[in-house]
């Protein structure tokens, strides 16, 4: 059976749902990748600060800065995808 014949037999509602799920997964992965890029760019800018070491030492200030960074980058990613 060809894939086009299989897709033609799927009702329109399910086909739209599958399209929406694919778009959600794609944008979700893209958002995660962009957040990772944003975090790595922050690490490049702050080379003198060993973020992982500071977090292991339970430095709350660094944790708050990293959390704010991730929230800011995620807000930018969300707005850019609208």
C-alpha atoms as a PDB file:
ATOM      1  CA  UNK A   1       0.000   0.000   0.000  1.00  0.00           C
ATOM      2  CA  UNK A   2       1.393   3.412  -0.849  1.00  0.00           C
ATOM      3  CA  UNK A   3       1.637   6.122   1.783  1.00  0.00           C
ATOM      4  CA  UNK A   4      -0.622   8.478  -0.184  1.00  0.00           C
ATOM      5  CA  UNK A   5      -3.368   5.843  -0.202  1.00  0.00           C
ATOM      6  CA  UNK A   6      -3.021   5.426   3.558  1.00  0.00           C
ATOM      7  CA  UNK A   7      -3.144   9.186   4.124  1.00  0.00           C
ATOM      8  CA  UNK A   8      -6.166   9.499   1.820  1.00  0.00           C
ATOM      9  CA  UNK A   9      -8.099   6.999   3.950  1.00  0.00           C
ATOM     10  CA  UNK A  10      -7.566   9.003   7.170  1.00  0.00           C
ATOM     11  CA  UNK A  11     -10.474  11.318   8.049  1.00  0.00           C
ATOM     12  CA  UNK A  12      -9.839  15.036   7.732  1.00  0.00           C
ATOM     13  CA  UNK A  13     -10.102  15.688  11.491  1.00  0.00           C
ATOM     14  CA  UNK A  14      -7.431  13.118  12.325  1.00  0.00           C
ATOM     15  CA  UNK A  15      -5.226  14.415   9.511  1.00  0.00           C
ATOM     16  CA  UNK A  16      -5.513  17.954  10.934  1.00  0.00           C
ATOM     17  CA  UNK A  17      -4.731  16.615  14.409  1.00  0.00           C
ATOM     18  CA  UNK A  18      -1.630  14.820  13.121  1.00  0.00           C
ATOM     19  CA  UNK A  19      -0.507  18.007  11.369  1.00  0.00           C
ATOM     20  CA  UNK A  20      -0.977  19.976  14.593  1.00  0.00           C
ATOM     21  CA  UNK A  21       0.955  17.374  16.605  1.00  0.00           C
ATOM     22  CA  UNK A  22       3.823  17.455  14.111  1.00  0.00           C
ATOM     23  CA  UNK A  23       3.924  21.253  14.225  1.00  0.00           C
ATOM     24  CA  UNK A  24       3.876  21.205  18.027  1.00  0.00           C
ATOM     25  CA  UNK A  25       6.720  18.695  18.192  1.00  0.00           C
ATOM     26  CA  UNK A  26       8.748  20.631  15.619  1.00  0.00           C
ATOM     27  CA  UNK A  27       8.321  23.983  17.343  1.00  0.00           C
ATOM     28  CA  UNK A  28       8.963  22.396  20.734  1.00  0.00           C
ATOM     29  CA  UNK A  29      12.275  20.931  19.576  1.00  0.00           C
ATOM     30  CA  UNK A  30      13.171  24.204  17.883  1.00  0.00           C
ATOM     31  CA  UNK A  31      12.409  26.103  21.088  1.00  0.00           C
ATOM     32  CA  UNK A  32      14.579  23.759  23.159  1.00  0.00           C
ATOM     33  CA  UNK A  33      17.417  24.093  20.652  1.00  0.00           C
ATOM     34  CA  UNK A  34      17.166  27.898  20.710  1.00  0.00           C
ATOM     35  CA  UNK A  35      17.186  27.924  24.522  1.00  0.00           C
ATOM     36  CA  UNK A  36      20.337  25.797  24.448  1.00  0.00           C
ATOM     37  CA  UNK A  37      21.933  28.230  21.983  1.00  0.00           C
ATOM     38  CA  UNK A  38      20.981  31.146  24.239  1.00  0.00           C
ATOM     39  CA  UNK A  39      22.497  29.450  27.288  1.00  0.00           C
ATOM     40  CA  UNK A  40      25.713  28.624  25.407  1.00  0.00           C
ATOM     41  CA  UNK A  41      25.941  32.236  24.198  1.00  0.00           C
ATOM     42  CA  UNK A  42      25.589  33.367  27.831  1.00  0.00           C
ATOM     43  CA  UNK A  43      28.397  30.992  28.797  1.00  0.00           C
ATOM     44  CA  UNK A  44      30.600  32.470  26.057  1.00  0.00           C
ATOM     45  CA  UNK A  45      29.949  36.001  27.300  1.00  0.00           C
ATOM     46  CA  UNK A  46      30.677  35.056  30.919  1.00  0.00           C
ATOM     47  CA  UNK A  47      33.787  32.928  30.436  1.00  0.00           C
ATOM     48  CA  UNK A  48      35.252  33.988  33.796  1.00  0.00           C
ATOM     49  CA  UNK A  49      32.244  32.543  35.642  1.00  0.00           C
ATOM     50  CA  UNK A  50      32.094  28.741  35.900  1.00  0.00           C
ATOM     51  CA  UNK A  51      28.324  28.383  36.039  1.00  0.00           C
ATOM     52  CA  UNK A  52      28.242  24.634  36.680  1.00  0.00           C
ATOM     53  CA  UNK A  53      30.737  24.928  39.540  1.00  0.00           C
ATOM     54  CA  UNK A  54      28.806  27.815  41.100  1.00  0.00           C
ATOM     55  CA  UNK A  55      25.547  25.879  40.859  1.00  0.00           C
ATOM     56  CA  UNK A  56      27.159  22.801  42.434  1.00  0.00           C
ATOM     57  CA  UNK A  57      28.285  25.048  45.310  1.00  0.00           C
ATOM     58  CA  UNK A  58      24.630  26.127  45.648  1.00  0.00           C
ATOM     59  CA  UNK A  59      25.247  29.757  44.730  1.00  0.00           C
ATOM     60  CA  UNK A  60      21.682  31.089  44.749  1.00  0.00           C
ATOM     61  CA  UNK A  61      22.557  34.316  42.930  1.00  0.00           C
ATOM     62  CA  UNK A  62      23.926  32.408  39.932  1.00  0.00           C
ATOM     63  CA  UNK A  63      20.847  30.182  39.979  1.00  0.00           C
ATOM     64  CA  UNK A  64      18.559  33.200  39.873  1.00  0.00           C
ATOM     65  CA  UNK A  65      20.527  34.734  36.985  1.00  0.00           C
ATOM     66  CA  UNK A  66      20.441  31.472  35.002  1.00  0.00           C
ATOM     67  CA  UNK A  67      16.700  31.088  35.679  1.00  0.00           C
ATOM     68  CA  UNK A  68      16.069  34.657  34.518  1.00  0.00           C
ATOM     69  CA  UNK A  69      18.164  34.028  31.422  1.00  0.00           C
ATOM     70  CA  UNK A  70      16.212  30.889  30.514  1.00  0.00           C
ATOM     71  CA  UNK A  71      12.875  32.619  31.112  1.00  0.00           C
ATOM     72  CA  UNK A  72      13.962  35.584  28.981  1.00  0.00           C
ATOM     73  CA  UNK A  73      15.194  33.414  26.131  1.00  0.00           C
ATOM     74  CA  UNK A  74      12.038  31.304  26.249  1.00  0.00           C
ATOM     75  CA  UNK A  75       9.874  34.446  26.119  1.00  0.00           C
ATOM     76  CA  UNK A  76      11.793  35.661  23.062  1.00  0.00           C
ATOM     77  CA  UNK A  77      11.427  32.254  21.389  1.00  0.00           C
ATOM     78  CA  UNK A  78       7.687  32.154  22.104  1.00  0.00           C
ATOM     79  CA  UNK A  79       7.096  35.646  20.711  1.00  0.00           C
ATOM     80  CA  UNK A  80       9.184  34.918  17.629  1.00  0.00           C
ATOM     81  CA  UNK A  81       7.101  31.800  16.853  1.00  0.00           C
ATOM     82  CA  UNK A  82       3.747  33.608  17.010  1.00  0.00           C
END
